[in-house]
Amino acid sequence: PQQNLPKTVLGGYVVSNDFFNDAIRREENKHTNDPLHRRPTNSLRSWLKKNRISYSFANVGTSGMNGEKRLEFLPNPRNELIE
């Protein structure tokens, strides 16, 4: 049986800059074709809105052992998990 992400992950988080638009569109199209037009209460879109942490790499002034600039991994500070 096919499982959707919210049931599989069980409250975890995903660190990604991907907005998962294709997966969300597939899920929504699957429910649009449902004759009763039932929308899941815990859809992939709503799960990702709460559980996806975007990130960037930034030069924050650190350098490596040979003096090369290092990019640091920075999670999105606006995410409620980071605040």
Protein backbone atom coordinates (compact mmCIF):
# COMPACT_ATOMS: atom_id res chain seq x y z
CA PRO A 1 0.00 0.00 0.00
CA GLN A 2 1.13 3.52 -0.79
CA GLN A 3 2.01 5.63 2.26
CA ASN A 4 2.06 9.40 2.39
CA LEU A 5 4.83 11.39 4.04
CA PRO A 6 3.08 12.57 7.21
CA LYS A 7 2.23 9.02 8.33
CA THR A 8 5.68 7.76 7.43
CA VAL A 9 7.70 10.47 9.17
CA LEU A 10 5.50 10.69 12.27
CA GLY A 11 6.19 14.26 13.29
CA GLY A 12 9.78 14.58 12.12
CA TYR A 13 11.32 17.40 10.13
CA VAL A 14 12.83 17.61 6.67
CA VAL A 15 15.72 19.99 5.94
CA SER A 16 15.34 20.98 2.32
CA ASN A 17 15.11 23.92 -0.03
CA ASP A 18 12.80 21.88 -2.24
CA PHE A 19 9.19 23.07 -2.06
CA PHE A 20 7.98 19.58 -3.15
CA ASN A 21 5.60 21.18 -5.66
CA ASP A 22 5.41 18.05 -7.84
CA ALA A 23 4.57 15.79 -4.89
CA ILE A 24 1.96 18.24 -3.58
CA ARG A 25 0.39 18.54 -7.02
CA ARG A 26 0.22 14.73 -7.37
CA GLU A 27 -1.43 14.41 -3.96
CA GLU A 28 -3.94 17.18 -4.68
CA ASN A 29 -4.77 15.76 -8.13
CA LYS A 30 -5.35 12.35 -6.58
CA HIS A 31 -7.93 13.87 -4.23
CA THR A 32 -9.46 16.06 -6.95
CA ASN A 33 -10.23 12.90 -8.94
CA ASP A 34 -11.99 11.45 -5.89
CA PRO A 35 -15.74 11.55 -6.58
CA LEU A 36 -16.41 12.80 -3.03
CA HIS A 37 -13.65 15.48 -3.30
CA ARG A 38 -12.37 14.70 0.17
CA ARG A 39 -9.26 16.62 1.08
CA PRO A 40 -7.05 15.00 3.68
CA THR A 41 -6.82 16.89 6.92
CA ASN A 42 -3.10 16.16 7.21
CA SER A 43 -2.05 16.84 3.63
CA LEU A 44 1.52 16.91 2.43
CA ARG A 45 1.22 20.69 1.88
CA SER A 46 0.18 21.35 5.49
CA TRP A 47 2.77 18.92 6.86
CA LEU A 48 5.57 20.58 4.89
CA LYS A 49 4.44 24.03 5.97
CA LYS A 50 5.05 23.03 9.60
CA ASN A 51 7.92 20.57 9.20
CA ARG A 52 10.17 21.76 6.34
CA ILE A 53 13.24 23.73 7.40
CA SER A 54 14.89 25.64 4.58
CA TYR A 55 18.56 26.53 4.76
CA SER A 56 21.40 28.34 3.09
CA PHE A 57 25.17 28.33 3.09
CA ALA A 58 26.78 31.65 3.95
CA ASN A 59 30.21 33.15 4.43
CA VAL A 60 30.13 34.24 8.07
CA GLY A 61 33.80 35.13 8.25
CA THR A 62 35.29 31.72 9.04
CA SER A 63 38.15 30.19 7.12
CA GLY A 64 39.62 26.74 6.80
CA MET A 65 43.05 25.53 7.89
CA ASN A 66 44.65 26.79 4.66
CA GLY A 67 42.96 30.19 4.80
CA GLU A 68 40.23 29.34 2.31
CA LYS A 69 36.79 30.80 2.95
CA ARG A 70 34.32 28.38 4.49
CA LEU A 71 30.59 28.44 3.96
CA GLU A 72 28.58 27.63 7.04
CA PHE A 73 25.30 25.72 7.02
CA LEU A 74 22.56 28.04 8.34
CA PRO A 75 19.01 26.78 8.92
CA ASN A 76 16.25 29.31 8.29
CA PRO A 77 16.03 31.43 11.47
CA ARG A 78 12.31 32.06 10.81
CA ASN A 79 11.47 28.39 11.35
CA GLU A 80 9.69 27.87 14.68
CA LEU A 81 12.09 25.04 15.59
CA ILE A 82 15.06 27.43 15.23
CA GLU A 83 13.53 30.49 16.94
